[in-house]
């Protein structure tokens, strides 16, 4: 179960990035050793979608 901090990002933060930062083991459990998370890489390259930013 993710912590309350991981599921309640502050205003102006991306919900996906916040969850992946504070519930990293859960978010990245399916990845192999030294494997990059495709969702994290996408956000690093293309930015955050507007609908994922807490308003």
PDB file of N, CA and C in Angstrom:
ATOM      1  N   UNK A   1       0.842  -1.174   0.000  1.00  0.00           N
ATOM      2  CA  UNK A   1       0.000   0.000   0.000  1.00  0.00           C
ATOM      3  C   UNK A   1       0.889   1.239   0.000  1.00  0.00           C
ATOM      4  N   UNK A   2       0.565   2.161  -0.858  1.00  0.00           N
ATOM      5  CA  UNK A   2       1.338   3.396  -0.965  1.00  0.00           C
ATOM      6  C   UNK A   2       1.059   4.297   0.227  1.00  0.00           C
ATOM      7  N   UNK A   3       2.051   5.063   0.589  1.00  0.00           N
ATOM      8  CA  UNK A   3       1.899   5.976   1.711  1.00  0.00           C
ATOM      9  C   UNK A   3       0.970   7.124   1.340  1.00  0.00           C
ATOM     10  N   UNK A   4       0.480   7.809   2.343  1.00  0.00           N
ATOM     11  CA  UNK A   4      -0.393   8.961   2.108  1.00  0.00           C
ATOM     12  C   UNK A   4       0.357  10.053   1.351  1.00  0.00           C
ATOM     13  N   UNK A   5       1.644  10.192   1.613  1.00  0.00           N
ATOM     14  CA  UNK A   5       2.444  11.207   0.922  1.00  0.00           C
ATOM     15  C   UNK A   5       2.533  10.895  -0.568  1.00  0.00           C
ATOM     16  N   UNK A   6       2.648   9.618  -0.920  1.00  0.00           N
ATOM     17  CA  UNK A   6       2.787   9.219  -2.320  1.00  0.00           C
ATOM     18  C   UNK A   6       1.508   9.445  -3.111  1.00  0.00           C
ATOM     19  N   UNK A   7       0.367   9.369  -2.458  1.00  0.00           N
ATOM     20  CA  UNK A   7      -0.906   9.478  -3.171  1.00  0.00           C
ATOM     21  C   UNK A   7      -1.548  10.861  -3.074  1.00  0.00           C
ATOM     22  N   UNK A   8      -0.907  11.806  -2.389  1.00  0.00           N
ATOM     23  CA  UNK A   8      -1.455  13.155  -2.243  1.00  0.00           C
ATOM     24  C   UNK A   8      -0.409  14.211  -2.587  1.00  0.00           C
ATOM     25  N   UNK A   9      -0.134  14.397  -3.876  1.00  0.00           N
ATOM     26  CA  UNK A   9       0.870  15.399  -4.255  1.00  0.00           C
ATOM     27  C   UNK A   9       0.366  16.817  -4.010  1.00  0.00           C
ATOM     28  N   UNK A  10       1.282  17.742  -3.733  1.00  0.00           N
ATOM     29  CA  UNK A  10       0.879  19.143  -3.545  1.00  0.00           C
ATOM     30  C   UNK A  10       0.530  19.798  -4.879  1.00  0.00           C
ATOM     31  N   UNK A  11      -0.082  20.943  -4.805  1.00  0.00           N
ATOM     32  CA  UNK A  11      -0.450  21.692  -6.011  1.00  0.00           C
ATOM     33  C   UNK A  11       0.777  21.967  -6.864  1.00  0.00           C
ATOM     34  N   UNK A  12       0.593  21.846  -8.164  1.00  0.00           N
ATOM     35  CA  UNK A  12       1.663  22.130  -9.103  1.00  0.00           C
ATOM     36  C   UNK A  12       2.564  20.947  -9.409  1.00  0.00           C
ATOM     37  N   UNK A  13       2.348  19.824  -8.755  1.00  0.00           N
ATOM     38  CA  UNK A  13       3.177  18.640  -8.981  1.00  0.00           C
ATOM     39  C   UNK A  13       2.440  17.627  -9.853  1.00  0.00           C
ATOM     40  N   UNK A  14       3.194  16.828 -10.588  1.00  0.00           N
ATOM     41  CA  UNK A  14       2.652  15.775 -11.443  1.00  0.00           C
ATOM     42  C   UNK A  14       2.309  14.569 -10.566  1.00  0.00           C
ATOM     43  N   UNK A  15       1.094  14.063 -10.689  1.00  0.00           N
ATOM     44  CA  UNK A  15       0.669  12.939  -9.849  1.00  0.00           C
ATOM     45  C   UNK A  15       1.505  11.689 -10.117  1.00  0.00           C
ATOM     46  N   UNK A  16       1.826  11.425 -11.363  1.00  0.00           N
ATOM     47  CA  UNK A  16       2.617  10.236 -11.689  1.00  0.00           C
ATOM     48  C   UNK A  16       4.030  10.346 -11.142  1.00  0.00           C
ATOM     49  N   UNK A  17       4.667  11.461 -11.363  1.00  0.00           N
ATOM     50  CA  UNK A  17       6.041  11.635 -10.891  1.00  0.00           C
ATOM     51  C   UNK A  17       6.103  11.583  -9.366  1.00  0.00           C
ATOM     52  N   UNK A  18       5.124  12.204  -8.717  1.00  0.00           N
ATOM     53  CA  UNK A  18       5.080  12.210  -7.260  1.00  0.00           C
ATOM     54  C   UNK A  18       4.941  10.776  -6.740  1.00  0.00           C
ATOM     55  N   UNK A  19       4.030   9.999  -7.340  1.00  0.00           N
ATOM     56  CA  UNK A  19       3.833   8.615  -6.914  1.00  0.00           C
ATOM     57  C   UNK A  19       5.097   7.792  -7.149  1.00  0.00           C
ATOM     58  N   UNK A  20       5.715   7.963  -8.311  1.00  0.00           N
ATOM     59  CA  UNK A  20       6.917   7.193  -8.631  1.00  0.00           C
ATOM     60  C   UNK A  20       8.076   7.580  -7.723  1.00  0.00           C
ATOM     61  N   UNK A  21       8.109   8.804  -7.235  1.00  0.00           N
ATOM     62  CA  UNK A  21       9.179   9.234  -6.332  1.00  0.00           C
ATOM     63  C   UNK A  21       8.974   8.705  -4.915  1.00  0.00           C
ATOM     64  N   UNK A  22       7.738   8.720  -4.427  1.00  0.00           N
ATOM     65  CA  UNK A  22       7.487   8.379  -3.028  1.00  0.00           C
ATOM     66  C   UNK A  22       6.960   6.963  -2.813  1.00  0.00           C
ATOM     67  N   UNK A  23       6.624   6.257  -3.862  1.00  0.00           N
ATOM     68  CA  UNK A  23       6.237   4.846  -3.762  1.00  0.00           C
ATOM     69  C   UNK A  23       7.035   4.083  -4.821  1.00  0.00           C
ATOM     70  N   UNK A  24       8.306   4.395  -4.883  1.00  0.00           N
ATOM     71  CA  UNK A  24       9.174   3.883  -5.940  1.00  0.00           C
ATOM     72  C   UNK A  24       9.189   2.363  -6.024  1.00  0.00           C
ATOM     73  N   UNK A  25       9.227   1.695  -4.909  1.00  0.00           N
ATOM     74  CA  UNK A  25       9.273   0.224  -4.947  1.00  0.00           C
ATOM     75  C   UNK A  25       8.015  -0.353  -5.572  1.00  0.00           C
ATOM     76  N   UNK A  26       6.879   0.219  -5.261  1.00  0.00           N
ATOM     77  CA  UNK A  26       5.616  -0.258  -5.836  1.00  0.00           C
ATOM     78  C   UNK A  26       5.516   0.119  -7.307  1.00  0.00           C
ATOM     79  N   UNK A  27       5.849   1.340  -7.635  1.00  0.00           N
ATOM     80  CA  UNK A  27       5.721   1.819  -9.007  1.00  0.00           C
ATOM     81  C   UNK A  27       6.681   1.111  -9.957  1.00  0.00           C
ATOM     82  N   UNK A  28       7.832   0.720  -9.444  1.00  0.00           N
ATOM     83  CA  UNK A  28       8.863   0.133 -10.295  1.00  0.00           C
ATOM     84  C   UNK A  28       9.100  -1.348 -10.006  1.00  0.00           C
ATOM     85  N   UNK A  29       8.175  -2.010  -9.358  1.00  0.00           N
ATOM     86  CA  UNK A  29       8.345  -3.410  -8.953  1.00  0.00           C
ATOM     87  C   UNK A  29       8.520  -4.349 -10.143  1.00  0.00           C
ATOM     88  N   UNK A  30       7.883  -4.045 -11.257  1.00  0.00           N
ATOM     89  CA  UNK A  30       7.923  -4.945 -12.407  1.00  0.00           C
ATOM     90  C   UNK A  30       9.186  -4.787 -13.247  1.00  0.00           C
ATOM     91  N   UNK A  31      10.001  -3.799 -12.949  1.00  0.00           N
ATOM     92  CA  UNK A  31      11.212  -3.548 -13.728  1.00  0.00           C
ATOM     93  C   UNK A  31      12.352  -4.458 -13.283  1.00  0.00           C
ATOM     94  N   UNK A  32      13.186  -4.789 -14.220  1.00  0.00           N
ATOM     95  CA  UNK A  32      14.358  -5.588 -13.915  1.00  0.00           C
ATOM     96  C   UNK A  32      15.475  -4.714 -13.375  1.00  0.00           C
ATOM     97  N   UNK A  33      16.575  -5.345 -12.947  1.00  0.00           N
ATOM     98  CA  UNK A  33      17.715  -4.573 -12.451  1.00  0.00           C
ATOM     99  C   UNK A  33      18.245  -3.624 -13.528  1.00  0.00           C
ATOM    100  N   UNK A  34      18.472  -2.398 -13.137  1.00  0.00           N
ATOM    101  CA  UNK A  34      19.027  -1.351 -13.998  1.00  0.00           C
ATOM    102  C   UNK A  34      18.162  -1.064 -15.224  1.00  0.00           C
ATOM    103  N   UNK A  35      16.874  -1.381 -15.157  1.00  0.00           N
ATOM    104  CA  UNK A  35      15.948  -1.098 -16.252  1.00  0.00           C
ATOM    105  C   UNK A  35      15.232   0.214 -15.967  1.00  0.00           C
ATOM    106  N   UNK A  36      15.180   1.091 -16.956  1.00  0.00           N
ATOM    107  CA  UNK A  36      14.505   2.380 -16.792  1.00  0.00           C
ATOM    108  C   UNK A  36      13.002   2.215 -16.891  1.00  0.00           C
ATOM    109  N   UNK A  37      12.287   2.991 -16.119  1.00  0.00           N
ATOM    110  CA  UNK A  37      10.830   2.998 -16.153  1.00  0.00           C
ATOM    111  C   UNK A  37      10.392   3.772 -17.400  1.00  0.00           C
ATOM    112  N   UNK A  38       9.632   3.156 -18.304  1.00  0.00           N
ATOM    113  CA  UNK A  38       9.217   3.850 -19.525  1.00  0.00           C
ATOM    114  C   UNK A  38       8.379   5.100 -19.238  1.00  0.00           C
ATOM    115  N   UNK A  39       7.560   5.065 -18.208  1.00  0.00           N
ATOM    116  CA  UNK A  39       6.733   6.232 -17.877  1.00  0.00           C
ATOM    117  C   UNK A  39       7.604   7.386 -17.380  1.00  0.00           C
ATOM    118  N   UNK A  40       8.589   7.087 -16.552  1.00  0.00           N
ATOM    119  CA  UNK A  40       9.488   8.130 -16.052  1.00  0.00           C
ATOM    120  C   UNK A  40      10.320   8.729 -17.188  1.00  0.00           C
ATOM    121  N   UNK A  41      10.813   7.868 -18.070  1.00  0.00           N
ATOM    122  CA  UNK A  41      11.615   8.336 -19.204  1.00  0.00           C
ATOM    123  C   UNK A  41      10.768   9.239 -20.102  1.00  0.00           C
ATOM    124  N   UNK A  42       9.520   8.847 -20.344  1.00  0.00           N
ATOM    125  CA  UNK A  42       8.632   9.662 -21.163  1.00  0.00           C
ATOM    126  C   UNK A  42       8.439  11.048 -20.563  1.00  0.00           C
ATOM    127  N   UNK A  43       8.243  11.121 -19.254  1.00  0.00           N
ATOM    128  CA  UNK A  43       8.054  12.416 -18.593  1.00  0.00           C
ATOM    129  C   UNK A  43       9.329  13.251 -18.620  1.00  0.00           C
ATOM    130  N   UNK A  44      10.487  12.601 -18.534  1.00  0.00           N
ATOM    131  CA  UNK A  44      11.751  13.343 -18.591  1.00  0.00           C
ATOM    132  C   UNK A  44      11.975  13.922 -19.984  1.00  0.00           C
ATOM    133  N   UNK A  45      11.575  13.194 -21.015  1.00  0.00           N
ATOM    134  CA  UNK A  45      11.811  13.645 -22.390  1.00  0.00           C
ATOM    135  C   UNK A  45      10.735  14.591 -22.894  1.00  0.00           C
ATOM    136  N   UNK A  46       9.473  14.306 -22.564  1.00  0.00           N
ATOM    137  CA  UNK A  46       8.353  15.052 -23.150  1.00  0.00           C
ATOM    138  C   UNK A  46       7.630  15.970 -22.185  1.00  0.00           C
ATOM    139  N   UNK A  47       8.035  16.001 -20.953  1.00  0.00           N
ATOM    140  CA  UNK A  47       7.367  16.849 -19.968  1.00  0.00           C
ATOM    141  C   UNK A  47       6.136  16.170 -19.394  1.00  0.00           C
ATOM    142  N   UNK A  48       5.428  16.901 -18.588  1.00  0.00           N
ATOM    143  CA  UNK A  48       4.263  16.372 -17.894  1.00  0.00           C
ATOM    144  C   UNK A  48       2.981  16.775 -18.614  1.00  0.00           C
ATOM    145  N   UNK A  49       2.071  15.822 -18.832  1.00  0.00           N
ATOM    146  CA  UNK A  49       0.783  16.183 -19.428  1.00  0.00           C
ATOM    147  C   UNK A  49       0.013  17.104 -18.479  1.00  0.00           C
ATOM    148  N   UNK A  50      -0.675  18.057 -19.018  1.00  0.00           N
ATOM    149  CA  UNK A  50      -1.391  19.038 -18.200  1.00  0.00           C
ATOM    150  C   UNK A  50      -2.435  18.402 -17.300  1.00  0.00           C
ATOM    151  N   UNK A  51      -3.039  17.306 -17.752  1.00  0.00           N
ATOM    152  CA  UNK A  51      -4.088  16.682 -16.946  1.00  0.00           C
ATOM    153  C   UNK A  51      -3.539  15.943 -15.722  1.00  0.00           C
ATOM    154  N   UNK A  52      -2.223  15.767 -15.635  1.00  0.00           N
ATOM    155  CA  UNK A  52      -1.631  15.073 -14.491  1.00  0.00           C
ATOM    156  C   UNK A  52      -1.102  16.033 -13.431  1.00  0.00           C
ATOM    157  N   UNK A  53      -1.146  17.321 -13.699  1.00  0.00           N
ATOM    158  CA  UNK A  53      -0.661  18.320 -12.747  1.00  0.00           C
ATOM    159  C   UNK A  53      -1.801  18.671 -11.796  1.00  0.00           C
ATOM    160  N   UNK A  54      -1.507  18.622 -10.487  1.00  0.00           N
ATOM    161  CA  UNK A  54      -2.524  18.949  -9.474  1.00  0.00           C
ATOM    162  C   UNK A  54      -2.763  20.454  -9.499  1.00  0.00           C
ATOM    163  N   UNK A  55      -4.014  20.823  -9.553  1.00  0.00           N
ATOM    164  CA  UNK A  55      -4.381  22.248  -9.584  1.00  0.00           C
ATOM    165  C   UNK A  55      -4.979  22.678  -8.285  1.00  0.00           C
TER     166      UNK A  55
END
